[in-house]
Structures are given as structure tokens and as C-alpha cells.
PDB file of N, CA and C in Angstrom:
ATOM      1  N   MET A   1      22.453  68.517 163.957  1.00  0.00           N
ATOM      2  CA  MET A   1      23.745  67.888 163.782  1.00  0.00           C
ATOM      3  C   MET A   1      23.896  66.714 164.743  1.00  0.00           C
ATOM      4  N   LYS A   2      23.468  66.917 165.998  1.00  0.00           N
ATOM      5  CA  LYS A   2      23.603  65.867 167.000  1.00  0.00           C
ATOM      6  C   LYS A   2      22.739  64.654 166.632  1.00  0.00           C
ATOM      7  N   ARG A   3      21.531  64.902 166.121  1.00  0.00           N
ATOM      8  CA  ARG A   3      20.648  63.805 165.715  1.00  0.00           C
ATOM      9  C   ARG A   3      21.254  63.014 164.560  1.00  0.00           C
ATOM     10  N   THR A   4      21.837  63.726 163.638  1.00  0.00           N
ATOM     11  CA  THR A   4      22.470  63.068 162.497  1.00  0.00           C
ATOM     12  C   THR A   4      23.615  62.181 162.957  1.00  0.00           C
ATOM     13  N   LEU A   5      24.414  62.677 163.876  1.00  0.00           N
ATOM     14  CA  LEU A   5      25.538  61.909 164.402  1.00  0.00           C
ATOM     15  C   LEU A   5      25.055  60.665 165.144  1.00  0.00           C
ATOM     16  N   ILE A   6      24.007  60.799 165.929  1.00  0.00           N
ATOM     17  CA  ILE A   6      23.448  59.652 166.658  1.00  0.00           C
ATOM     18  C   ILE A   6      22.882  58.626 165.677  1.00  0.00           C
ATOM     19  N   ALA A   7      22.159  59.096 164.674  1.00  0.00           N
ATOM     20  CA  ALA A   7      21.580  58.188 163.678  1.00  0.00           C
ATOM     21  C   ALA A   7      22.672  57.450 162.911  1.00  0.00           C
ATOM     22  N   LEU A   8      23.715  58.157 162.534  1.00  0.00           N
ATOM     23  CA  LEU A   8      24.829  57.542 161.821  1.00  0.00           C
ATOM     24  C   LEU A   8      25.548  56.524 162.693  1.00  0.00           C
ATOM     25  N   SER A   9      25.743  56.842 163.966  1.00  0.00           N
ATOM     26  CA  SER A   9      26.385  55.914 164.900  1.00  0.00           C
ATOM     27  C   SER A   9      25.568  54.636 165.057  1.00  0.00           C
ATOM     28  N   CYS A  10      24.256  54.777 165.179  1.00  0.00           N
ATOM     29  CA  CYS A  10      23.382  53.600 165.298  1.00  0.00           C
ATOM     30  C   CYS A  10      23.451  52.745 164.039  1.00  0.00           C
ATOM     31  N   LEU A  11      23.454  53.385 162.892  1.00  0.00           N
ATOM     32  CA  LEU A  11      23.530  52.661 161.636  1.00  0.00           C
ATOM     33  C   LEU A  11      24.810  51.837 161.555  1.00  0.00           C
ATOM     34  N   VAL A  12      25.926  52.428 161.908  1.00  0.00           N
ATOM     35  CA  VAL A  12      27.209  51.727 161.878  1.00  0.00           C
ATOM     36  C   VAL A  12      27.229  50.584 162.886  1.00  0.00           C
ATOM     37  N   LEU A  13      26.754  50.826 164.091  1.00  0.00           N
ATOM     38  CA  LEU A  13      26.766  49.788 165.127  1.00  0.00           C
ATOM     39  C   LEU A  13      25.897  48.596 164.759  1.00  0.00           C
ATOM     40  N   PHE A  14      24.735  48.839 164.173  1.00  0.00           N
ATOM     41  CA  PHE A  14      23.849  47.736 163.815  1.00  0.00           C
ATOM     42  C   PHE A  14      24.300  47.024 162.546  1.00  0.00           C
ATOM     43  N   ALA A  15      25.067  47.678 161.718  1.00  0.00           N
ATOM     44  CA  ALA A  15      25.542  47.051 160.490  1.00  0.00           C
ATOM     45  C   ALA A  15      26.743  46.143 160.733  1.00  0.00           C
ATOM     46  N   LEU A  16      27.528  46.408 161.761  1.00  0.00           N
ATOM     47  CA  LEU A  16      28.733  45.616 162.006  1.00  0.00           C
ATOM     48  C   LEU A  16      28.470  44.127 162.180  1.00  0.00           C
ATOM     49  N   PRO A  17      27.462  43.693 162.925  1.00  0.00           N
ATOM     50  CA  PRO A  17      27.239  42.253 163.056  1.00  0.00           C
ATOM     51  C   PRO A  17      26.883  41.560 161.746  1.00  0.00           C
ATOM     52  N   ALA A  18      26.450  42.294 160.746  1.00  0.00           N
ATOM     53  CA  ALA A  18      26.083  41.688 159.470  1.00  0.00           C
ATOM     54  C   ALA A  18      27.304  41.205 158.705  1.00  0.00           C
ATOM     55  N   PHE A  19      28.461  41.807 158.939  1.00  0.00           N
ATOM     56  CA  PHE A  19      29.669  41.354 158.276  1.00  0.00           C
ATOM     57  C   PHE A  19      30.049  39.993 158.817  1.00  0.00           C
ATOM     58  N   GLY A  20      30.574  39.137 157.963  1.00  0.00           N
ATOM     59  CA  GLY A  20      30.999  37.824 158.407  1.00  0.00           C
ATOM     60  C   GLY A  20      29.888  36.794 158.401  1.00  0.00           C
ATOM     61  N   GLN A  21      28.707  37.172 157.953  1.00  0.00           N
ATOM     62  CA  GLN A  21      27.639  36.199 157.830  1.00  0.00           C
ATOM     63  C   GLN A  21      27.537  35.773 156.384  1.00  0.00           C
ATOM     64  N   GLY A  22      27.352  34.498 156.213  1.00  0.00           N
ATOM     65  CA  GLY A  22      27.258  33.979 154.864  1.00  0.00           C
ATOM     66  C   GLY A  22      25.843  33.605 154.492  1.00  0.00           C
ATOM     67  N   GLY A  23      25.659  33.391 153.219  1.00  0.00           N
ATOM     68  CA  GLY A  23      24.396  32.878 152.724  1.00  0.00           C
ATOM     69  C   GLY A  23      24.462  31.366 152.658  1.00  0.00           C
ATOM     70  N   ILE A  24      23.324  30.718 152.670  1.00  0.00           N
ATOM     71  CA  ILE A  24      23.266  29.258 152.644  1.00  0.00           C
ATOM     72  C   ILE A  24      22.682  28.790 151.322  1.00  0.00           C
ATOM     73  N   LEU A  25      23.197  27.679 150.845  1.00  0.00           N
ATOM     74  CA  LEU A  25      22.593  27.013 149.714  1.00  0.00           C
ATOM     75  C   LEU A  25      22.406  25.559 150.111  1.00  0.00           C
ATOM     76  N   ASN A  26      21.177  25.106 150.123  1.00  0.00           N
ATOM     77  CA  ASN A  26      20.912  23.687 150.336  1.00  0.00           C
ATOM     78  C   ASN A  26      19.971  23.225 149.238  1.00  0.00           C
ATOM     79  N   ASP A  27      20.293  22.085 148.672  1.00  0.00           N
ATOM     80  CA  ASP A  27      19.568  21.593 147.512  1.00  0.00           C
ATOM     81  C   ASP A  27      19.685  20.082 147.483  1.00  0.00           C
ATOM     82  N   SER A  28      18.992  19.459 146.578  1.00  0.00           N
ATOM     83  CA  SER A  28      19.142  18.021 146.367  1.00  0.00           C
ATOM     84  C   SER A  28      19.164  17.766 144.867  1.00  0.00           C
ATOM     85  N   LEU A  29      19.801  16.685 144.493  1.00  0.00           N
ATOM     86  CA  LEU A  29      19.960  16.355 143.079  1.00  0.00           C
ATOM     87  C   LEU A  29      19.097  15.155 142.735  1.00  0.00           C
ATOM     88  N   LEU A  30      18.351  15.286 141.650  1.00  0.00           N
ATOM     89  CA  LEU A  30      17.500  14.197 141.185  1.00  0.00           C
ATOM     90  C   LEU A  30      17.905  13.793 139.779  1.00  0.00           C
ATOM     91  N   ARG A  31      17.769  12.514 139.497  1.00  0.00           N
ATOM     92  CA  ARG A  31      17.997  12.020 138.137  1.00  0.00           C
ATOM     93  C   ARG A  31      16.804  12.424 137.270  1.00  0.00           C
ATOM     94  N   ALA A  32      16.915  12.177 135.974  1.00  0.00           N
ATOM     95  CA  ALA A  32      15.832  12.519 135.047  1.00  0.00           C
ATOM     96  C   ALA A  32      14.535  11.792 135.391  1.00  0.00           C
ATOM     97  N   ASP A  33      14.642  10.593 135.984  1.00  0.00           N
ATOM     98  CA  ASP A  33      13.432   9.838 136.336  1.00  0.00           C
ATOM     99  C   ASP A  33      12.866  10.230 137.700  1.00  0.00           C
ATOM    100  N   GLY A  34      13.477  11.232 138.353  1.00  0.00           N
ATOM    101  CA  GLY A  34      12.978  11.729 139.629  1.00  0.00           C
ATOM    102  C   GLY A  34      13.543  11.050 140.856  1.00  0.00           C
ATOM    103  N   THR A  35      14.410  10.055 140.682  1.00  0.00           N
ATOM    104  CA  THR A  35      15.018   9.385 141.832  1.00  0.00           C
ATOM    105  C   THR A  35      16.233  10.174 142.304  1.00  0.00           C
ATOM    106  N   PRO A  36      16.581  10.071 143.600  1.00  0.00           N
ATOM    107  CA  PRO A  36      17.745  10.806 144.115  1.00  0.00           C
ATOM    108  C   PRO A  36      19.039  10.390 143.407  1.00  0.00           C
ATOM    109  N   ALA A  37      19.877  11.353 143.116  1.00  0.00           N
ATOM    110  CA  ALA A  37      21.160  11.104 142.446  1.00  0.00           C
ATOM    111  C   ALA A  37      22.220  10.758 143.489  1.00  0.00           C
ATOM    112  N   ILE A  38      22.036   9.622 144.162  1.00  0.00           N
ATOM    113  CA  ILE A  38      22.966   9.189 145.205  1.00  0.00           C
ATOM    114  C   ILE A  38      24.316   8.891 144.560  1.00  0.00           C
ATOM    115  N   GLY A  39      25.391   9.365 145.179  1.00  0.00           N
ATOM    116  CA  GLY A  39      26.732   9.187 144.641  1.00  0.00           C
ATOM    117  C   GLY A  39      27.225  10.376 143.840  1.00  0.00           C
ATOM    118  N   ALA A  40      26.386  11.369 143.658  1.00  0.00           N
ATOM    119  CA  ALA A  40      26.782  12.562 142.903  1.00  0.00           C
ATOM    120  C   ALA A  40      27.716  13.433 143.736  1.00  0.00           C
ATOM    121  N   THR A  41      28.487  14.258 143.048  1.00  0.00           N
ATOM    122  CA  THR A  41      29.346  15.236 143.712  1.00  0.00           C
ATOM    123  C   THR A  41      28.990  16.631 143.211  1.00  0.00           C
ATOM    124  N   VAL A  42      29.270  17.612 144.049  1.00  0.00           N
ATOM    125  CA  VAL A  42      29.014  19.015 143.720  1.00  0.00           C
ATOM    126  C   VAL A  42      30.313  19.772 143.946  1.00  0.00           C
ATOM    127  N   ARG A  43      30.835  20.403 142.907  1.00  0.00           N
ATOM    128  CA  ARG A  43      32.044  21.219 143.013  1.00  0.00           C
ATOM    129  C   ARG A  43      31.622  22.675 142.889  1.00  0.00           C
ATOM    130  N   VAL A  44      32.041  23.503 143.834  1.00  0.00           N
ATOM    131  CA  VAL A  44      31.629  24.909 143.863  1.00  0.00           C
ATOM    132  C   VAL A  44      32.802  25.775 143.412  1.00  0.00           C
ATOM    133  N   CYS A  45      32.551  26.578 142.387  1.00  0.00           N
ATOM    134  CA  CYS A  45      33.597  27.419 141.811  1.00  0.00           C
ATOM    135  C   CYS A  45      33.121  28.866 141.731  1.00  0.00           C
ATOM    136  N   THR A  46      34.060  29.746 141.434  1.00  0.00           N
ATOM    137  CA  THR A  46      33.723  31.159 141.283  1.00  0.00           C
ATOM    138  C   THR A  46      32.855  31.352 140.044  1.00  0.00           C
ATOM    139  N   GLU A  47      32.215  32.494 139.959  1.00  0.00           N
ATOM    140  CA  GLU A  47      31.342  32.778 138.818  1.00  0.00           C
ATOM    141  C   GLU A  47      32.119  32.774 137.503  1.00  0.00           C
ATOM    142  N   ALA A  48      33.390  33.144 137.542  1.00  0.00           N
ATOM    143  CA  ALA A  48      34.207  33.219 136.335  1.00  0.00           C
ATOM    144  C   ALA A  48      34.856  31.890 135.967  1.00  0.00           C
ATOM    145  N   ALA A  49      34.583  30.831 136.713  1.00  0.00           N
ATOM    146  CA  ALA A  49      35.241  29.542 136.503  1.00  0.00           C
ATOM    147  C   ALA A  49      34.860  28.924 135.162  1.00  0.00           C
ATOM    148  N   SER A  50      35.752  28.038 134.697  1.00  0.00           N
ATOM    149  CA  SER A  50      35.485  27.295 133.466  1.00  0.00           C
ATOM    150  C   SER A  50      36.189  25.952 133.543  1.00  0.00           C
ATOM    151  N   GLY A  51      35.894  25.084 132.588  1.00  0.00           N
ATOM    152  CA  GLY A  51      36.543  23.787 132.494  1.00  0.00           C
ATOM    153  C   GLY A  51      35.863  22.714 133.328  1.00  0.00           C
ATOM    154  N   THR A  52      36.360  21.469 133.153  1.00  0.00           N
ATOM    155  CA  THR A  52      35.885  20.331 133.940  1.00  0.00           C
ATOM    156  C   THR A  52      37.103  19.571 134.423  1.00  0.00           C
ATOM    157  N   PRO A  53      37.388  19.524 135.712  1.00  0.00           N
ATOM    158  CA  PRO A  53      36.631  20.165 136.781  1.00  0.00           C
ATOM    159  C   PRO A  53      36.796  21.681 136.722  1.00  0.00           C
ATOM    160  N   CYS A  54      35.768  22.391 137.171  1.00  0.00           N
ATOM    161  CA  CYS A  54      35.791  23.853 137.083  1.00  0.00           C
ATOM    162  C   CYS A  54      36.882  24.435 137.986  1.00  0.00           C
ATOM    163  N   SER A  55      37.420  25.546 137.536  1.00  0.00           N
ATOM    164  CA  SER A  55      38.493  26.215 138.265  1.00  0.00           C
ATOM    165  C   SER A  55      38.445  27.690 137.886  1.00  0.00           C
ATOM    166  N   PRO A  56      38.708  28.616 138.789  1.00  0.00           N
ATOM    167  CA  PRO A  56      39.117  28.441 140.186  1.00  0.00           C
ATOM    168  C   PRO A  56      37.918  28.096 141.083  1.00  0.00           C
ATOM    169  N   THR A  57      38.233  27.375 142.155  1.00  0.00           N
ATOM    170  CA  THR A  57      37.194  26.980 143.095  1.00  0.00           C
ATOM    171  C   THR A  57      36.885  28.122 144.060  1.00  0.00           C
ATOM    172  N   ALA A  58      35.714  28.038 144.671  1.00  0.00           N
ATOM    173  CA  ALA A  58      35.267  29.057 145.625  1.00  0.00           C
ATOM    174  C   ALA A  58      35.510  28.577 147.046  1.00  0.00           C
ATOM    175  N   SER A  59      35.596  29.506 147.971  1.00  0.00           N
ATOM    176  CA  SER A  59      35.691  29.173 149.393  1.00  0.00           C
ATOM    177  C   SER A  59      34.283  28.929 149.910  1.00  0.00           C
ATOM    178  N   ILE A  60      34.046  27.711 150.420  1.00  0.00           N
ATOM    179  CA  ILE A  60      32.742  27.388 150.990  1.00  0.00           C
ATOM    180  C   ILE A  60      32.936  26.887 152.412  1.00  0.00           C
ATOM    181  N   TYR A  61      31.874  26.972 153.202  1.00  0.00           N
ATOM    182  CA  TYR A  61      31.979  26.726 154.638  1.00  0.00           C
ATOM    183  C   TYR A  61      30.807  25.884 155.135  1.00  0.00           C
ATOM    184  N   SER A  62      30.990  25.304 156.327  1.00  0.00           N
ATOM    185  CA  SER A  62      29.926  24.505 156.932  1.00  0.00           C
ATOM    186  C   SER A  62      29.139  25.286 157.976  1.00  0.00           C
ATOM    187  N   ASP A  63      29.475  26.557 158.182  1.00  0.00           N
ATOM    188  CA  ASP A  63      28.780  27.355 159.199  1.00  0.00           C
ATOM    189  C   ASP A  63      28.486  28.765 158.685  1.00  0.00           C
ATOM    190  N   LYS A  64      27.461  29.383 159.267  1.00  0.00           N
ATOM    191  CA  LYS A  64      27.006  30.708 158.840  1.00  0.00           C
ATOM    192  C   LYS A  64      28.045  31.800 159.064  1.00  0.00           C
ATOM    193  N   ALA A  65      28.901  31.627 160.065  1.00  0.00           N
ATOM    194  CA  ALA A  65      29.926  32.634 160.348  1.00  0.00           C
ATOM    195  C   ALA A  65      31.100  32.564 159.375  1.00  0.00           C
ATOM    196  N   LEU A  66      31.099  31.594 158.484  1.00  0.00           N
ATOM    197  CA  LEU A  66      32.159  31.395 157.485  1.00  0.00           C
ATOM    198  C   LEU A  66      33.518  31.185 158.142  1.00  0.00           C
ATOM    199  N   THR A  67      33.565  30.316 159.152  1.00  0.00           N
ATOM    200  CA  THR A  67      34.821  30.054 159.856  1.00  0.00           C
ATOM    201  C   THR A  67      35.333  28.634 159.659  1.00  0.00           C
ATOM    202  N   ILE A  68      34.476  27.689 159.273  1.00  0.00           N
ATOM    203  CA  ILE A  68      34.893  26.292 159.112  1.00  0.00           C
ATOM    204  C   ILE A  68      34.824  25.940 157.630  1.00  0.00           C
ATOM    205  N   GLY A  69      35.991  25.968 156.985  1.00  0.00           N
ATOM    206  CA  GLY A  69      36.058  25.715 155.557  1.00  0.00           C
ATOM    207  C   GLY A  69      35.814  24.256 155.209  1.00  0.00           C
ATOM    208  N   ILE A  70      35.190  24.024 154.059  1.00  0.00           N
ATOM    209  CA  ILE A  70      34.975  22.679 153.527  1.00  0.00           C
ATOM    210  C   ILE A  70      35.221  22.722 152.032  1.00  0.00           C
ATOM    211  N   GLY A  71      35.212  21.564 151.421  1.00  0.00           N
ATOM    212  CA  GLY A  71      35.213  21.488 149.958  1.00  0.00           C
ATOM    213  C   GLY A  71      36.527  21.842 149.305  1.00  0.00           C
ATOM    214  N   PRO A  72      36.484  22.160 148.053  1.00  0.00           N
ATOM    215  CA  PRO A  72      35.389  22.706 147.263  1.00  0.00           C
ATOM    216  C   PRO A  72      34.438  21.660 146.670  1.00  0.00           C
ATOM    217  N   THR A  73      34.745  20.354 146.862  1.00  0.00           N
ATOM    218  CA  THR A  73      33.864  19.328 146.320  1.00  0.00           C
ATOM    219  C   THR A  73      33.103  18.651 147.445  1.00  0.00           C
ATOM    220  N   LEU A  74      31.791  18.567 147.287  1.00  0.00           N
ATOM    221  CA  LEU A  74      30.920  17.955 148.286  1.00  0.00           C
ATOM    222  C   LEU A  74      30.304  16.689 147.714  1.00  0.00           C
ATOM    223  N   ALA A  75      30.138  15.682 148.552  1.00  0.00           N
ATOM    224  CA  ALA A  75      29.378  14.494 148.172  1.00  0.00           C
ATOM    225  C   ALA A  75      27.964  14.666 148.718  1.00  0.00           C
ATOM    226  N   VAL A  76      26.978  14.265 147.944  1.00  0.00           N
ATOM    227  CA  VAL A  76      25.600  14.363 148.424  1.00  0.00           C
ATOM    228  C   VAL A  76      25.359  13.295 149.482  1.00  0.00           C
ATOM    229  N   ASP A  77      24.365  13.512 150.345  1.00  0.00           N
ATOM    230  CA  ASP A  77      24.062  12.535 151.393  1.00  0.00           C
ATOM    231  C   ASP A  77      23.129  11.437 150.854  1.00  0.00           C
ATOM    232  N   ALA A  78      22.598  10.613 151.738  1.00  0.00           N
ATOM    233  CA  ALA A  78      21.759   9.475 151.347  1.00  0.00           C
ATOM    234  C   ALA A  78      20.470   9.899 150.646  1.00  0.00           C
ATOM    235  N   ALA A  79      20.063  11.133 150.832  1.00  0.00           N
ATOM    236  CA  ALA A  79      18.874  11.660 150.151  1.00  0.00           C
ATOM    237  C   ALA A  79      19.262  12.512 148.940  1.00  0.00           C
ATOM    238  N   ALA A  80      20.545  12.465 148.552  1.00  0.00           N
ATOM    239  CA  ALA A  80      21.099  13.255 147.446  1.00  0.00           C
ATOM    240  C   ALA A  80      21.028  14.750 147.726  1.00  0.00           C
ATOM    241  N   ALA A  81      21.081  15.124 149.002  1.00  0.00           N
ATOM    242  CA  ALA A  81      21.028  16.537 149.397  1.00  0.00           C
ATOM    243  C   ALA A  81      22.425  17.033 149.769  1.00  0.00           C
ATOM    244  N   TYR A  82      22.609  18.341 149.689  1.00  0.00           N
ATOM    245  CA  TYR A  82      23.868  18.960 150.105  1.00  0.00           C
ATOM    246  C   TYR A  82      23.592  20.371 150.594  1.00  0.00           C
ATOM    247  N   THR A  83      24.499  20.854 151.458  1.00  0.00           N
ATOM    248  CA  THR A  83      24.368  22.188 152.044  1.00  0.00           C
ATOM    249  C   THR A  83      25.750  22.805 152.189  1.00  0.00           C
ATOM    250  N   TYR A  84      25.851  24.097 151.909  1.00  0.00           N
ATOM    251  CA  TYR A  84      27.076  24.836 152.204  1.00  0.00           C
ATOM    252  C   TYR A  84      26.739  26.310 152.390  1.00  0.00           C
ATOM    253  N   TYR A  85      27.660  27.019 153.022  1.00  0.00           N
ATOM    254  CA  TYR A  85      27.560  28.466 153.230  1.00  0.00           C
ATOM    255  C   TYR A  85      28.671  29.133 152.422  1.00  0.00           C
ATOM    256  N   ALA A  86      28.414  30.341 151.969  1.00  0.00           N
ATOM    257  CA  ALA A  86      29.414  31.108 151.227  1.00  0.00           C
ATOM    258  C   ALA A  86      29.082  32.591 151.357  1.00  0.00           C
ATOM    259  N   SER A  87      30.052  33.416 151.016  1.00  0.00           N
ATOM    260  CA  SER A  87      29.787  34.854 150.966  1.00  0.00           C
ATOM    261  C   SER A  87      28.722  35.099 149.904  1.00  0.00           C
ATOM    262  N   PRO A  88      27.818  36.041 150.130  1.00  0.00           N
ATOM    263  CA  PRO A  88      26.764  36.294 149.149  1.00  0.00           C
ATOM    264  C   PRO A  88      27.338  36.616 147.770  1.00  0.00           C
ATOM    265  N   GLY A  89      26.737  36.052 146.755  1.00  0.00           N
ATOM    266  CA  GLY A  89      27.175  36.289 145.393  1.00  0.00           C
ATOM    267  C   GLY A  89      26.792  35.146 144.475  1.00  0.00           C
ATOM    268  N   PHE A  90      27.280  35.206 143.240  1.00  0.00           N
ATOM    269  CA  PHE A  90      27.019  34.174 142.246  1.00  0.00           C
ATOM    270  C   PHE A  90      28.165  33.172 142.231  1.00  0.00           C
ATOM    271  N   TYR A  91      27.818  31.909 142.079  1.00  0.00           N
ATOM    272  CA  TYR A  91      28.790  30.817 142.021  1.00  0.00           C
ATOM    273  C   TYR A  91      28.383  29.859 140.917  1.00  0.00           C
ATOM    274  N   LYS A  92      29.347  29.055 140.470  1.00  0.00           N
ATOM    275  CA  LYS A  92      29.043  27.965 139.552  1.00  0.00           C
ATOM    276  C   LYS A  92      29.136  26.665 140.329  1.00  0.00           C
ATOM    277  N   GLU A  93      28.134  25.829 140.170  1.00  0.00           N
ATOM    278  CA  GLU A  93      28.151  24.491 140.745  1.00  0.00           C
ATOM    279  C   GLU A  93      28.307  23.504 139.602  1.00  0.00           C
ATOM    280  N   GLN A  94      29.288  22.628 139.737  1.00  0.00           N
ATOM    281  CA  GLN A  94      29.471  21.572 138.756  1.00  0.00           C
ATOM    282  C   GLN A  94      28.958  20.284 139.392  1.00  0.00           C
ATOM    283  N   LEU A  95      27.882  19.752 138.842  1.00  0.00           N
ATOM    284  CA  LEU A  95      27.211  18.579 139.375  1.00  0.00           C
ATOM    285  C   LEU A  95      27.623  17.377 138.537  1.00  0.00           C
ATOM    286  N   CYS A  96      28.224  16.362 139.184  1.00  0.00           N
ATOM    287  CA  CYS A  96      28.747  15.212 138.453  1.00  0.00           C
ATOM    288  C   CYS A  96      28.189  13.908 139.006  1.00  0.00           C
ATOM    289  N   LEU A  97      27.867  13.000 138.088  1.00  0.00           N
ATOM    290  CA  LEU A  97      27.389  11.668 138.451  1.00  0.00           C
ATOM    291  C   LEU A  97      27.767  10.711 137.333  1.00  0.00           C
ATOM    292  N   GLY A  98      28.505   9.673 137.692  1.00  0.00           N
ATOM    293  CA  GLY A  98      28.860   8.652 136.708  1.00  0.00           C
ATOM    294  C   GLY A  98      29.651   9.165 135.525  1.00  0.00           C
ATOM    295  N   GLY A  99      30.525  10.130 135.738  1.00  0.00           N
ATOM    296  CA  GLY A  99      31.361  10.654 134.666  1.00  0.00           C
ATOM    297  C   GLY A  99      30.721  11.766 133.842  1.00  0.00           C
ATOM    298  N   THR A 100      29.471  12.059 134.082  1.00  0.00           N
ATOM    299  CA  THR A 100      28.782  13.138 133.375  1.00  0.00           C
ATOM    300  C   THR A 100      28.637  14.330 134.310  1.00  0.00           C
ATOM    301  N   CYS A 101      29.030  15.501 133.818  1.00  0.00           N
ATOM    302  CA  CYS A 101      28.963  16.717 134.640  1.00  0.00           C
ATOM    303  C   CYS A 101      28.147  17.789 133.931  1.00  0.00           C
ATOM    304  N   VAL A 102      27.391  18.521 134.709  1.00  0.00           N
ATOM    305  CA  VAL A 102      26.689  19.705 134.208  1.00  0.00           C
ATOM    306  C   VAL A 102      27.032  20.864 135.134  1.00  0.00           C
ATOM    307  N   THR A 103      27.050  22.057 134.586  1.00  0.00           N
ATOM    308  CA  THR A 103      27.394  23.248 135.367  1.00  0.00           C
ATOM    309  C   THR A 103      26.204  24.193 135.358  1.00  0.00           C
ATOM    310  N   ARG A 104      25.939  24.774 136.527  1.00  0.00           N
ATOM    311  CA  ARG A 104      24.868  25.757 136.636  1.00  0.00           C
ATOM    312  C   ARG A 104      25.341  26.910 137.502  1.00  0.00           C
ATOM    313  N   THR A 105      24.749  28.070 137.298  1.00  0.00           N
ATOM    314  CA  THR A 105      25.058  29.247 138.103  1.00  0.00           C
ATOM    315  C   THR A 105      23.998  29.379 139.189  1.00  0.00           C
ATOM    316  N   VAL A 106      24.460  29.618 140.426  1.00  0.00           N
ATOM    317  CA  VAL A 106      23.546  29.770 141.562  1.00  0.00           C
ATOM    318  C   VAL A 106      23.852  31.078 142.282  1.00  0.00           C
ATOM    319  N   LEU A 107      22.860  31.580 142.996  1.00  0.00           N
ATOM    320  CA  LEU A 107      23.004  32.782 143.808  1.00  0.00           C
ATOM    321  C   LEU A 107      22.901  32.391 145.269  1.00  0.00           C
ATOM    322  N   VAL A 108      23.930  32.730 146.032  1.00  0.00           N
ATOM    323  CA  VAL A 108      23.928  32.454 147.474  1.00  0.00           C
ATOM    324  C   VAL A 108      23.611  33.744 148.181  1.00  0.00           C
TER     325      VAL A 108
END
């Protein structure tokens, strides 16, 4: 009984720091010809989202601890790359460039 209690206590103590950590998604957008899609935007929405612009939007963050909120729309950088953190799960990303948008499902 004592061993079980100690093992359970250790499990709980080591699991606590895992809460509050987010997953990261970093990617870059390329045009059909392989060049960076500079000027593109990325809108992050919940898995159940629909429409253009997609709604409802998801909570995304700039840090692993999920404390500094950003978005829900991100502009890509000079290399057409973007990064965000979110709670683990499925999300929809709406990628837009020049008035054309495509939506994809991603796993964070």
C-alpha cells in the first residue's frame, strides 16, 4: 500500500509541470512555383470553424507557456514563415494571399 501511494504521488508531482505547456507549429508558405508567399496571412481557427474568414478563432500564443496571446491572424515573415503555440489539438489554418484563401487542418 505504501509503495502504491509513493508511486501515485510521484506520478502526480511529475505530471503537474506538463500542464500549461503548448505545442508549437512553425511552417512556411510557398507559391505553386516554389517561391515564398511573401505577404500571405494565416488565420488560426478552431477545428469546428467554417466560413471565410474562418470563425470561431482559436487562442494562439507566442510562448510555450501559453501566456502571451497573439493573433488570431498572423502575417508571414520575409521568408514566408510563421510560428505560433497553442494547446495540443486540431486547428484549421486559413492561408490567404492576394484575395485567395485555402483552409487546411493541422495538428499542434
